[in-house]
Amino acid sequence: MNNTIEMEFMIENGWPGVRIRPEFVNEPGKSYRFAIQVLSSRPNEYRSSLPAEPCPKEAYLSPWLRIPK
């Protein structure tokens, strides 16, 4: 399964963000933590890193997740 979504595709189709299916969230209304891989034409300039533990909420919560009530 390919879960790669390009930013251009999102903008062209009017997507407000990345959808996360409800079954992947532990409890409705709770925050969900996930990783984003940024693909760049300058791979040596950018490096990924593991999130800090404990997770600082202001840095790792996505504003995109909206769970319908």
PDB file of N, CA and C in Angstrom:
ATOM      1  N   MET A   1       0.842  -1.180   0.000  1.00  0.00           N
ATOM      2  CA  MET A   1       0.000   0.000   0.000  1.00  0.00           C
ATOM      3  C   MET A   1       0.889   1.246   0.000  1.00  0.00           C
ATOM      4  N   ASN A   2       0.613   2.192  -0.873  1.00  0.00           N
ATOM      5  CA  ASN A   2       1.385   3.415  -0.969  1.00  0.00           C
ATOM      6  C   ASN A   2       0.665   4.524  -0.210  1.00  0.00           C
ATOM      7  N   ASN A   3       1.284   5.004   0.848  1.00  0.00           N
ATOM      8  CA  ASN A   3       0.693   6.072   1.647  1.00  0.00           C
ATOM      9  C   ASN A   3       1.370   7.410   1.399  1.00  0.00           C
ATOM     10  N   THR A   4       2.045   7.556   0.266  1.00  0.00           N
ATOM     11  CA  THR A   4       2.733   8.796  -0.046  1.00  0.00           C
ATOM     12  C   THR A   4       1.747   9.801  -0.632  1.00  0.00           C
ATOM     13  N   ILE A   5       1.689  10.976  -0.024  1.00  0.00           N
ATOM     14  CA  ILE A   5       0.805  12.041  -0.506  1.00  0.00           C
ATOM     15  C   ILE A   5       1.674  13.273  -0.740  1.00  0.00           C
ATOM     16  N   GLU A   6       1.685  13.777  -1.958  1.00  0.00           N
ATOM     17  CA  GLU A   6       2.495  14.947  -2.271  1.00  0.00           C
ATOM     18  C   GLU A   6       1.730  16.221  -1.939  1.00  0.00           C
ATOM     19  N   MET A   7       2.463  17.239  -1.488  1.00  0.00           N
ATOM     20  CA  MET A   7       1.840  18.510  -1.125  1.00  0.00           C
ATOM     21  C   MET A   7       1.121  19.136  -2.324  1.00  0.00           C
ATOM     22  N   GLU A   8       1.711  19.049  -3.507  1.00  0.00           N
ATOM     23  CA  GLU A   8       1.075  19.601  -4.707  1.00  0.00           C
ATOM     24  C   GLU A   8      -0.288  18.963  -4.946  1.00  0.00           C
ATOM     25  N   PHE A   9      -0.377  17.637  -4.764  1.00  0.00           N
ATOM     26  CA  PHE A   9      -1.637  16.924  -4.938  1.00  0.00           C
ATOM     27  C   PHE A   9      -2.679  17.431  -3.945  1.00  0.00           C
ATOM     28  N   MET A  10      -2.252  17.638  -2.684  1.00  0.00           N
ATOM     29  CA  MET A  10      -3.173  18.123  -1.658  1.00  0.00           C
ATOM     30  C   MET A  10      -3.705  19.508  -2.012  1.00  0.00           C
ATOM     31  N   ILE A  11      -2.818  20.382  -2.453  1.00  0.00           N
ATOM     32  CA  ILE A  11      -3.220  21.746  -2.798  1.00  0.00           C
ATOM     33  C   ILE A  11      -4.139  21.745  -4.014  1.00  0.00           C
ATOM     34  N   GLU A  12      -3.786  20.980  -5.052  1.00  0.00           N
ATOM     35  CA  GLU A  12      -4.600  20.913  -6.267  1.00  0.00           C
ATOM     36  C   GLU A  12      -6.006  20.393  -5.991  1.00  0.00           C
ATOM     37  N   ASN A  13      -6.134  19.462  -5.034  1.00  0.00           N
ATOM     38  CA  ASN A  13      -7.427  18.854  -4.737  1.00  0.00           C
ATOM     39  C   ASN A  13      -8.143  19.504  -3.558  1.00  0.00           C
ATOM     40  N   GLY A  14      -7.577  20.577  -3.025  1.00  0.00           N
ATOM     41  CA  GLY A  14      -8.226  21.310  -1.947  1.00  0.00           C
ATOM     42  C   GLY A  14      -8.261  20.578  -0.616  1.00  0.00           C
ATOM     43  N   TRP A  15      -7.304  19.689  -0.384  1.00  0.00           N
ATOM     44  CA  TRP A  15      -7.261  18.970   0.893  1.00  0.00           C
ATOM     45  C   TRP A  15      -6.759  19.912   1.986  1.00  0.00           C
ATOM     46  N   PRO A  16      -7.438  19.974   3.129  1.00  0.00           N
ATOM     47  CA  PRO A  16      -6.965  20.826   4.223  1.00  0.00           C
ATOM     48  C   PRO A  16      -5.819  20.194   5.004  1.00  0.00           C
ATOM     49  N   GLY A  17      -5.591  18.897   4.821  1.00  0.00           N
ATOM     50  CA  GLY A  17      -4.528  18.190   5.538  1.00  0.00           C
ATOM     51  C   GLY A  17      -4.586  16.713   5.227  1.00  0.00           C
ATOM     52  N   VAL A  18      -3.819  15.938   5.957  1.00  0.00           N
ATOM     53  CA  VAL A  18      -3.765  14.495   5.758  1.00  0.00           C
ATOM     54  C   VAL A  18      -4.814  13.835   6.635  1.00  0.00           C
ATOM     55  N   ARG A  19      -5.637  12.976   6.043  1.00  0.00           N
ATOM     56  CA  ARG A  19      -6.661  12.265   6.818  1.00  0.00           C
ATOM     57  C   ARG A  19      -6.060  11.041   7.491  1.00  0.00           C
ATOM     58  N   ILE A  20      -6.464  10.828   8.729  1.00  0.00           N
ATOM     59  CA  ILE A  20      -6.066   9.630   9.462  1.00  0.00           C
ATOM     60  C   ILE A  20      -7.348   8.903   9.818  1.00  0.00           C
ATOM     61  N   ARG A  21      -7.455   7.657   9.385  1.00  0.00           N
ATOM     62  CA  ARG A  21      -8.675   6.893   9.630  1.00  0.00           C
ATOM     63  C   ARG A  21      -8.893   6.684  11.125  1.00  0.00           C
ATOM     64  N   PRO A  22     -10.141   6.752  11.581  1.00  0.00           N
ATOM     65  CA  PRO A  22     -10.444   6.645  13.016  1.00  0.00           C
ATOM     66  C   PRO A  22      -9.944   5.370  13.681  1.00  0.00           C
ATOM     67  N   GLU A  23      -9.845   4.264  12.942  1.00  0.00           N
ATOM     68  CA  GLU A  23      -9.393   3.028  13.579  1.00  0.00           C
ATOM     69  C   GLU A  23      -7.926   3.079  14.011  1.00  0.00           C
ATOM     70  N   PHE A  24      -7.180   4.068  13.523  1.00  0.00           N
ATOM     71  CA  PHE A  24      -5.787   4.206  13.928  1.00  0.00           C
ATOM     72  C   PHE A  24      -5.613   5.086  15.160  1.00  0.00           C
ATOM     73  N   VAL A  25      -6.688   5.635  15.658  1.00  0.00           N
ATOM     74  CA  VAL A  25      -6.647   6.494  16.836  1.00  0.00           C
ATOM     75  C   VAL A  25      -7.154   5.693  18.027  1.00  0.00           C
ATOM     76  N   ASN A  26      -6.446   5.752  19.141  1.00  0.00           N
ATOM     77  CA  ASN A  26      -6.827   4.971  20.318  1.00  0.00           C
ATOM     78  C   ASN A  26      -8.204   5.345  20.845  1.00  0.00           C
ATOM     79  N   GLU A  27      -8.428   6.615  21.120  1.00  0.00           N
ATOM     80  CA  GLU A  27      -9.700   7.064  21.660  1.00  0.00           C
ATOM     81  C   GLU A  27     -10.124   8.319  20.911  1.00  0.00           C
ATOM     82  N   PRO A  28     -11.384   8.402  20.493  1.00  0.00           N
ATOM     83  CA  PRO A  28     -11.852   9.620  19.826  1.00  0.00           C
ATOM     84  C   PRO A  28     -11.645  10.840  20.723  1.00  0.00           C
ATOM     85  N   GLY A  29     -11.190  11.913  20.114  1.00  0.00           N
ATOM     86  CA  GLY A  29     -10.964  13.145  20.853  1.00  0.00           C
ATOM     87  C   GLY A  29      -9.577  13.252  21.461  1.00  0.00           C
ATOM     88  N   LYS A  30      -8.804  12.166  21.409  1.00  0.00           N
ATOM     89  CA  LYS A  30      -7.449  12.182  21.956  1.00  0.00           C
ATOM     90  C   LYS A  30      -6.461  12.514  20.836  1.00  0.00           C
ATOM     91  N   SER A  31      -5.302  12.970  21.217  1.00  0.00           N
ATOM     92  CA  SER A  31      -4.265  13.300  20.240  1.00  0.00           C
ATOM     93  C   SER A  31      -3.672  12.031  19.654  1.00  0.00           C
ATOM     94  N   TYR A  32      -3.167  12.142  18.438  1.00  0.00           N
ATOM     95  CA  TYR A  32      -2.564  11.001  17.754  1.00  0.00           C
ATOM     96  C   TYR A  32      -1.173  11.406  17.305  1.00  0.00           C
ATOM     97  N   ARG A  33      -0.209  10.583  17.541  1.00  0.00           N
ATOM     98  CA  ARG A  33       1.172  10.885  17.196  1.00  0.00           C
ATOM     99  C   ARG A  33       1.595  10.043  15.999  1.00  0.00           C
ATOM    100  N   PHE A  34       2.150  10.674  14.979  1.00  0.00           N
ATOM    101  CA  PHE A  34       2.626   9.951  13.811  1.00  0.00           C
ATOM    102  C   PHE A  34       3.834  10.666  13.235  1.00  0.00           C
ATOM    103  N   ALA A  35       4.524  10.005  12.342  1.00  0.00           N
ATOM    104  CA  ALA A  35       5.738  10.563  11.750  1.00  0.00           C
ATOM    105  C   ALA A  35       5.485  10.964  10.306  1.00  0.00           C
ATOM    106  N   ILE A  36       6.163  12.006   9.882  1.00  0.00           N
ATOM    107  CA  ILE A  36       6.084  12.473   8.501  1.00  0.00           C
ATOM    108  C   ILE A  36       7.486  12.396   7.919  1.00  0.00           C
ATOM    109  N   GLN A  37       7.596  11.813   6.747  1.00  0.00           N
ATOM    110  CA  GLN A  37       8.884  11.745   6.070  1.00  0.00           C
ATOM    111  C   GLN A  37       8.899  12.809   4.985  1.00  0.00           C
ATOM    112  N   VAL A  38       9.838  13.723   5.078  1.00  0.00           N
ATOM    113  CA  VAL A  38       9.962  14.788   4.091  1.00  0.00           C
ATOM    114  C   VAL A  38      10.956  14.341   3.033  1.00  0.00           C
ATOM    115  N   LEU A  39      10.503  14.334   1.790  1.00  0.00           N
ATOM    116  CA  LEU A  39      11.387  13.985   0.683  1.00  0.00           C
ATOM    117  C   LEU A  39      11.903  15.277   0.066  1.00  0.00           C
ATOM    118  N   SER A  40      13.197  15.390  -0.095  1.00  0.00           N
ATOM    119  CA  SER A  40      13.808  16.626  -0.558  1.00  0.00           C
ATOM    120  C   SER A  40      14.761  16.345  -1.711  1.00  0.00           C
ATOM    121  N   SER A  41      14.955  17.348  -2.554  1.00  0.00           N
ATOM    122  CA  SER A  41      15.947  17.224  -3.616  1.00  0.00           C
ATOM    123  C   SER A  41      17.355  17.414  -3.054  1.00  0.00           C
ATOM    124  N   ARG A  42      17.451  17.809  -1.769  1.00  0.00           N
ATOM    125  CA  ARG A  42      18.740  17.989  -1.112  1.00  0.00           C
ATOM    126  C   ARG A  42      18.830  17.033   0.082  1.00  0.00           C
ATOM    127  N   PRO A  43      18.942  15.730  -0.185  1.00  0.00           N
ATOM    128  CA  PRO A  43      18.888  14.754   0.904  1.00  0.00           C
ATOM    129  C   PRO A  43      20.008  14.875   1.933  1.00  0.00           C
ATOM    130  N   ASN A  44      21.168  15.386   1.549  1.00  0.00           N
ATOM    131  CA  ASN A  44      22.268  15.499   2.504  1.00  0.00           C
ATOM    132  C   ASN A  44      22.094  16.675   3.455  1.00  0.00           C
ATOM    133  N   GLU A  45      21.181  17.582   3.134  1.00  0.00           N
ATOM    134  CA  GLU A  45      20.995  18.766   3.956  1.00  0.00           C
ATOM    135  C   GLU A  45      19.981  18.534   5.074  1.00  0.00           C
ATOM    136  N   TYR A  46      19.103  17.550   4.915  1.00  0.00           N
ATOM    137  CA  TYR A  46      18.054  17.298   5.895  1.00  0.00           C
ATOM    138  C   TYR A  46      18.189  15.886   6.440  1.00  0.00           C
ATOM    139  N   ARG A  47      18.051  15.754   7.753  1.00  0.00           N
ATOM    140  CA  ARG A  47      18.128  14.429   8.372  1.00  0.00           C
ATOM    141  C   ARG A  47      16.936  14.249   9.295  1.00  0.00           C
ATOM    142  N   SER A  48      16.440  13.037   9.356  1.00  0.00           N
ATOM    143  CA  SER A  48      15.342  12.751  10.266  1.00  0.00           C
ATOM    144  C   SER A  48      15.900  12.455  11.651  1.00  0.00           C
ATOM    145  N   SER A  49      15.070  12.649  12.654  1.00  0.00           N
ATOM    146  CA  SER A  49      15.482  12.331  14.016  1.00  0.00           C
ATOM    147  C   SER A  49      14.284  11.776  14.767  1.00  0.00           C
ATOM    148  N   LEU A  50      14.565  10.973  15.761  1.00  0.00           N
ATOM    149  CA  LEU A  50      13.492  10.421  16.573  1.00  0.00           C
ATOM    150  C   LEU A  50      12.909  11.513  17.462  1.00  0.00           C
ATOM    151  N   PRO A  51      11.601  11.464  17.734  1.00  0.00           N
ATOM    152  CA  PRO A  51      11.000  12.463  18.615  1.00  0.00           C
ATOM    153  C   PRO A  51      11.513  12.308  20.042  1.00  0.00           C
ATOM    154  N   ALA A  52      11.499  13.393  20.762  1.00  0.00           N
ATOM    155  CA  ALA A  52      11.975  13.384  22.142  1.00  0.00           C
ATOM    156  C   ALA A  52      11.033  12.582  23.032  1.00  0.00           C
ATOM    157  N   GLU A  53      11.591  11.999  24.080  1.00  0.00           N
ATOM    158  CA  GLU A  53      10.782  11.287  25.075  1.00  0.00           C
ATOM    159  C   GLU A  53      11.008  11.939  26.420  1.00  0.00           C
ATOM    160  N   PRO A  54      10.017  12.353  27.139  1.00  0.00           N
ATOM    161  CA  PRO A  54       8.605  12.276  26.769  1.00  0.00           C
ATOM    162  C   PRO A  54       8.289  13.266  25.650  1.00  0.00           C
ATOM    163  N   CYS A  55       7.260  12.980  24.927  1.00  0.00           N
ATOM    164  CA  CYS A  55       6.879  13.764  23.757  1.00  0.00           C
ATOM    165  C   CYS A  55       6.411  15.160  24.162  1.00  0.00           C
ATOM    166  N   PRO A  56       7.081  16.244  23.706  1.00  0.00           N
ATOM    167  CA  PRO A  56       6.571  17.589  23.981  1.00  0.00           C
ATOM    168  C   PRO A  56       5.346  17.852  23.113  1.00  0.00           C
ATOM    169  N   LYS A  57       4.204  18.040  23.719  1.00  0.00           N
ATOM    170  CA  LYS A  57       2.943  18.125  22.988  1.00  0.00           C
ATOM    171  C   LYS A  57       2.941  19.232  21.943  1.00  0.00           C
ATOM    172  N   GLU A  58       3.514  20.386  22.264  1.00  0.00           N
ATOM    173  CA  GLU A  58       3.473  21.506  21.335  1.00  0.00           C
ATOM    174  C   GLU A  58       4.280  21.249  20.066  1.00  0.00           C
ATOM    175  N   ALA A  59       5.205  20.286  20.093  1.00  0.00           N
ATOM    176  CA  ALA A  59       6.065  20.054  18.944  1.00  0.00           C
ATOM    177  C   ALA A  59       5.608  18.912  18.053  1.00  0.00           C
ATOM    178  N   TYR A  60       4.865  17.951  18.586  1.00  0.00           N
ATOM    179  CA  TYR A  60       4.600  16.750  17.817  1.00  0.00           C
ATOM    180  C   TYR A  60       3.124  16.449  17.585  1.00  0.00           C
ATOM    181  N   LEU A  61       2.218  17.326  17.964  1.00  0.00           N
ATOM    182  CA  LEU A  61       0.807  17.072  17.688  1.00  0.00           C
ATOM    183  C   LEU A  61       0.440  17.704  16.355  1.00  0.00           C
ATOM    184  N   SER A  62      -0.293  16.999  15.560  1.00  0.00           N
ATOM    185  CA  SER A  62      -0.663  17.490  14.236  1.00  0.00           C
ATOM    186  C   SER A  62      -1.933  18.322  14.298  1.00  0.00           C
ATOM    187  N   PRO A  63      -1.943  19.473  13.657  1.00  0.00           N
ATOM    188  CA  PRO A  63      -3.174  20.260  13.589  1.00  0.00           C
ATOM    189  C   PRO A  63      -4.152  19.705  12.554  1.00  0.00           C
ATOM    190  N   TRP A  64      -3.734  18.677  11.815  1.00  0.00           N
ATOM    191  CA  TRP A  64      -4.573  18.158  10.739  1.00  0.00           C
ATOM    192  C   TRP A  64      -5.642  17.199  11.204  1.00  0.00           C
ATOM    193  N   LEU A  65      -5.418  16.536  12.332  1.00  0.00           N
ATOM    194  CA  LEU A  65      -6.343  15.483  12.748  1.00  0.00           C
ATOM    195  C   LEU A  65      -7.650  16.071  13.259  1.00  0.00           C
ATOM    196  N   ARG A  66      -8.739  15.693  12.646  1.00  0.00           N
ATOM    197  CA  ARG A  66     -10.073  16.098  13.093  1.00  0.00           C
ATOM    198  C   ARG A  66     -10.922  14.846  13.136  1.00  0.00           C
ATOM    199  N   ILE A  67     -11.356  14.454  14.312  1.00  0.00           N
ATOM    200  CA  ILE A  67     -12.179  13.261  14.449  1.00  0.00           C
ATOM    201  C   ILE A  67     -13.631  13.694  14.551  1.00  0.00           C
ATOM    202  N   PRO A  68     -14.500  13.214  13.643  1.00  0.00           N
ATOM    203  CA  PRO A  68     -15.916  13.585  13.725  1.00  0.00           C
ATOM    204  C   PRO A  68     -16.538  13.042  15.002  1.00  0.00           C
ATOM    205  N   LYS A  69     -17.405  13.849  15.606  1.00  0.00           N
ATOM    206  CA  LYS A  69     -18.067  13.420  16.849  1.00  0.00           C
ATOM    207  C   LYS A  69     -19.324  12.641  16.572  1.00  0.00           C
TER     208      LYS A  69
END
